[in-house]
Amino acid sequence: MLWSVLFWSCTGSSTDDQVTKLVDTPSPTGDSGPTVETGPVTTTSDTGGTSDPCPAPALEIGNGAVEHTPLQKGAEVTIVHGSQGGWHIEISGRITGTGELVGISSSVVRVSDGVQLAGEQPPWYVELLPLPTDACAREFAGLQSLIDDLPLPPEFAGYQEFICSLDGEALELSSSVVDLTTATGVDPIPDAEASIQVVARLDDFDAMYNCP
């Protein structure tokens, strides 16, 4: 899977300015900066050799740290205890019908009471190259949806205890994508959105040592 990541913070400037900054910023890995497509991605028909436009933007949400893994309703997902503290859920996805530069957001909601557990973090701005097998499709992985939106409920002594209480809870994972090659305005409307209901599970470390 070919993809590279570039981040920058929203400063209130227009999306066009943000795209320019992203293009001009060198990759931290030493690769050359991303390029903006000048038009929609097209594929060639096998019958006449003419170009057909890609389908309308769409998003398939998944769970993967390194590569996109599609999710089915009711699947178990791990609440990862990060090496530097804090907790997150890995979000991945397959995007079709957009340019290379996109902004991706995610959120996590507890189904039982509708409380949002994650989603206040800024969008993830990233350059995604087309898949070798599909010029209209792109995939991402490793978007960490941070479980830190909800203030600690008073009935819990600490956030670790609260995280332990989420084991087995139904959660709704949601994600949205904005095509930065066509977006306008400071807060553009998402080009595609997706959500799925899953079941939360603790990671092995928390299950073994921190959550009796």
Protein backbone atom coordinates (compact mmCIF):
# COMPACT_ATOMS: atom_id res chain seq x y z
CA MET A 1 0.00 0.00 0.00
CA LEU A 2 1.44 3.33 -1.01
CA TRP A 3 0.71 6.32 1.15
CA SER A 4 2.51 9.04 2.95
CA VAL A 5 1.48 11.34 5.73
CA LEU A 6 1.76 15.08 6.18
CA PHE A 7 0.35 17.02 9.10
CA TRP A 8 -0.30 20.69 9.76
CA SER A 9 -2.46 22.61 12.22
CA CYS A 10 -5.51 24.59 11.19
CA THR A 11 -4.85 28.28 11.72
CA GLY A 12 -8.14 29.67 10.47
CA SER A 13 -6.85 30.27 6.95
CA SER A 14 -8.80 29.11 3.93
CA THR A 15 -8.59 25.56 2.66
CA ASP A 16 -6.82 26.84 -0.46
CA ASP A 17 -4.08 28.30 1.74
CA GLN A 18 -3.87 25.05 3.67
CA VAL A 19 -3.39 23.06 0.50
CA THR A 20 -0.60 25.41 -0.59
CA LYS A 21 1.17 24.98 2.74
CA LEU A 22 0.85 21.23 2.52
CA VAL A 23 2.30 21.13 -0.96
CA ASP A 24 5.24 23.36 0.02
CA THR A 25 6.13 21.44 3.21
CA PRO A 26 8.79 18.72 2.74
CA SER A 27 7.97 15.23 3.91
CA PRO A 28 9.59 14.32 7.27
CA THR A 29 10.78 11.11 5.66
CA GLY A 30 12.75 12.99 3.01
CA ASP A 31 10.34 12.24 0.16
CA SER A 32 9.34 15.08 -2.10
CA GLY A 33 6.18 16.95 -1.11
CA PRO A 34 2.74 15.94 -2.39
CA THR A 35 1.38 17.21 -5.66
CA VAL A 36 -2.11 18.48 -6.34
CA GLU A 37 -4.02 16.85 -9.17
CA THR A 38 -5.31 19.27 -11.78
CA GLY A 39 -8.46 17.28 -12.53
CA PRO A 40 -10.43 14.18 -11.56
CA VAL A 41 -8.72 10.82 -11.64
CA THR A 42 -9.82 8.80 -14.65
CA THR A 43 -9.64 5.19 -15.69
CA THR A 44 -9.43 3.82 -19.21
CA SER A 45 -12.24 1.70 -20.62
CA ASP A 46 -11.27 -1.73 -21.93
CA THR A 47 -13.67 -1.40 -24.83
CA GLY A 48 -13.09 1.92 -26.49
CA GLY A 49 -10.00 3.39 -24.88
CA THR A 50 -11.98 6.41 -23.65
CA SER A 51 -11.60 7.83 -20.16
CA ASP A 52 -14.41 7.32 -17.65
CA PRO A 53 -14.54 9.52 -14.52
CA CYS A 54 -14.21 7.96 -11.10
CA PRO A 55 -17.42 7.36 -9.10
CA ALA A 56 -18.72 9.84 -6.57
CA PRO A 57 -16.65 10.02 -3.37
CA ALA A 58 -17.27 7.14 -0.96
CA LEU A 59 -15.65 5.88 2.24
CA GLU A 60 -15.38 2.41 3.78
CA ILE A 61 -14.37 2.55 7.46
CA GLY A 62 -12.05 -0.02 8.98
CA ASN A 63 -9.70 -0.78 11.85
CA GLY A 64 -6.01 -1.02 11.10
CA ALA A 65 -2.73 0.45 12.33
CA VAL A 66 -0.59 -0.51 9.33
CA GLU A 67 -3.04 -1.40 6.57
CA HIS A 68 -6.76 -1.01 5.99
CA THR A 69 -8.84 -3.82 7.47
CA PRO A 70 -12.58 -3.55 6.68
CA LEU A 71 -15.00 -3.91 9.59
CA GLN A 72 -18.27 -5.77 9.84
CA LYS A 73 -21.08 -4.66 12.16
CA GLY A 74 -20.54 -6.09 15.63
CA ALA A 75 -16.83 -6.71 15.14
CA GLU A 76 -14.52 -6.31 18.12
CA VAL A 77 -12.05 -3.42 18.12
CA THR A 78 -9.25 -2.81 20.60
CA ILE A 79 -8.91 0.25 22.79
CA VAL A 80 -5.14 0.59 22.57
CA HIS A 81 -3.20 1.75 25.64
CA GLY A 82 -0.51 3.94 24.08
CA SER A 83 3.14 3.57 24.99
CA GLN A 84 3.19 7.18 26.26
CA GLY A 85 -0.10 6.91 28.09
CA GLY A 86 -3.58 7.63 26.85
CA TRP A 87 -5.88 5.40 24.81
CA HIS A 88 -7.02 5.32 21.21
CA ILE A 89 -8.74 3.23 18.55
CA GLU A 90 -6.99 2.71 15.23
CA ILE A 91 -9.09 3.88 12.27
CA SER A 92 -8.43 2.88 8.67
CA GLY A 93 -10.39 3.36 5.47
CA ARG A 94 -10.76 2.92 1.73
CA ILE A 95 -11.63 6.08 -0.17
CA THR A 96 -12.86 6.28 -3.76
CA GLY A 97 -13.53 9.24 -6.01
CA THR A 98 -11.24 11.89 -4.48
CA GLY A 99 -7.92 13.51 -5.30
CA GLU A 100 -4.67 12.67 -3.55
CA LEU A 101 -4.88 15.33 -0.83
CA VAL A 102 -7.59 14.68 1.75
CA GLY A 103 -8.55 15.63 5.29
CA ILE A 104 -9.84 12.76 7.43
CA SER A 105 -11.75 13.04 10.71
CA SER A 106 -13.00 10.37 13.09
CA SER A 107 -15.17 10.03 16.18
CA VAL A 108 -16.19 7.37 18.70
CA VAL A 109 -19.57 7.38 20.46
CA ARG A 110 -20.80 5.05 23.21
CA VAL A 111 -24.07 3.61 21.92
CA SER A 112 -25.73 3.06 25.32
CA ASP A 113 -25.99 6.77 26.12
CA GLY A 114 -24.77 8.61 23.01
CA VAL A 115 -21.75 10.07 24.81
CA GLN A 116 -18.87 11.04 22.51
CA LEU A 117 -15.59 9.48 23.63
CA ALA A 118 -13.40 10.72 20.76
CA GLY A 119 -13.63 13.19 17.91
CA GLU A 120 -12.43 16.59 19.11
CA GLN A 121 -8.96 16.25 17.60
CA PRO A 122 -8.19 18.18 14.39
CA PRO A 123 -8.49 16.47 10.99
CA TRP A 124 -5.66 14.33 9.68
CA TYR A 125 -4.28 15.86 6.46
CA VAL A 126 -2.65 13.27 4.26
CA GLU A 127 -1.57 12.51 0.70
CA LEU A 128 -2.88 9.14 -0.50
CA LEU A 129 -1.61 7.58 -3.70
CA PRO A 130 -3.98 5.52 -5.88
CA LEU A 131 -3.99 1.76 -5.41
CA PRO A 132 -2.03 -0.18 -8.06
CA THR A 133 -5.18 -2.15 -8.87
CA ASP A 134 -7.64 0.76 -8.89
CA ALA A 135 -6.72 4.29 -9.95
CA CYS A 136 -9.89 5.65 -8.33
CA ALA A 137 -9.27 4.13 -4.88
CA ARG A 138 -6.95 5.03 -2.01
CA GLU A 139 -6.46 3.57 1.45
CA PHE A 140 -5.25 4.90 4.78
CA ALA A 141 -4.46 3.32 8.14
CA GLY A 142 -3.18 4.31 11.55
CA LEU A 143 -5.50 7.25 12.24
CA GLN A 144 -5.62 7.27 16.05
CA SER A 145 -9.00 8.32 17.38
CA LEU A 146 -8.06 9.51 20.88
CA ILE A 147 -10.34 8.41 23.71
CA ASP A 148 -10.10 11.61 25.73
CA ASP A 149 -13.12 13.80 24.91
CA LEU A 150 -15.18 12.83 27.95
CA PRO A 151 -14.17 14.37 31.31
CA LEU A 152 -13.61 11.72 33.96
CA PRO A 153 -17.03 10.71 35.36
CA PRO A 154 -17.15 11.28 39.14
CA GLU A 155 -17.87 7.62 39.89
CA PHE A 156 -14.39 6.61 38.68
CA ALA A 157 -11.16 7.13 40.63
CA GLY A 158 -9.10 7.60 37.46
CA TYR A 159 -9.25 7.38 33.67
CA GLN A 160 -7.78 3.88 33.69
CA GLU A 161 -10.77 2.66 35.69
CA PHE A 162 -13.10 4.37 33.23
CA ILE A 163 -11.37 2.71 30.27
CA CYS A 164 -11.75 -0.67 31.99
CA SER A 165 -15.51 -0.06 32.18
CA LEU A 166 -15.72 0.24 28.38
CA ASP A 167 -14.81 -3.41 27.79
CA GLY A 168 -17.73 -5.03 25.95
CA GLU A 169 -19.52 -1.73 25.29
CA ALA A 170 -21.11 -1.10 21.90
CA LEU A 171 -19.39 1.81 20.17
CA GLU A 172 -20.14 3.66 16.94
CA LEU A 173 -17.04 4.49 14.92
CA SER A 174 -17.48 7.28 12.39
CA SER A 175 -15.17 8.85 9.85
CA SER A 176 -15.43 11.53 7.18
CA VAL A 177 -13.21 12.70 4.35
CA VAL A 178 -12.79 16.06 2.60
CA ASP A 179 -11.17 16.22 -0.84
CA LEU A 180 -8.71 19.09 -0.45
CA THR A 181 -8.14 19.34 -4.19
CA THR A 182 -11.69 20.65 -4.64
CA ALA A 183 -12.71 21.92 -1.18
CA THR A 184 -13.45 25.59 -0.57
CA GLY A 185 -13.94 27.55 2.63
CA VAL A 186 -12.48 27.17 6.11
CA ASP A 187 -14.81 24.35 7.21
CA PRO A 188 -15.78 22.43 4.05
CA ILE A 189 -18.59 19.89 4.00
CA PRO A 190 -17.27 16.28 3.95
CA ASP A 191 -17.29 14.61 0.55
CA ALA A 192 -17.93 11.18 2.08
CA GLU A 193 -18.87 9.77 5.48
CA ALA A 194 -19.19 6.31 7.02
CA SER A 195 -20.01 4.78 10.40
CA ILE A 196 -20.27 1.31 11.89
CA GLN A 197 -21.25 -0.19 15.25
CA VAL A 198 -18.59 -2.32 16.93
CA VAL A 199 -17.77 -3.84 20.34
CA ALA A 200 -14.95 -2.41 22.46
CA ARG A 201 -12.25 -4.69 23.85
CA LEU A 202 -9.30 -3.85 26.09
CA ASP A 203 -5.80 -4.42 24.81
CA ASP A 204 -3.82 -7.32 26.28
CA PHE A 205 -1.82 -5.16 28.70
CA ASP A 206 -4.85 -3.51 30.27
CA ALA A 207 -6.81 -6.75 30.36
CA MET A 208 -3.96 -8.56 32.13
CA TYR A 209 -2.57 -5.93 34.49
CA ASN A 210 -4.86 -2.92 34.85
CA CYS A 211 -8.44 -4.16 34.69
CA PRO A 212 -9.12 -6.91 37.26
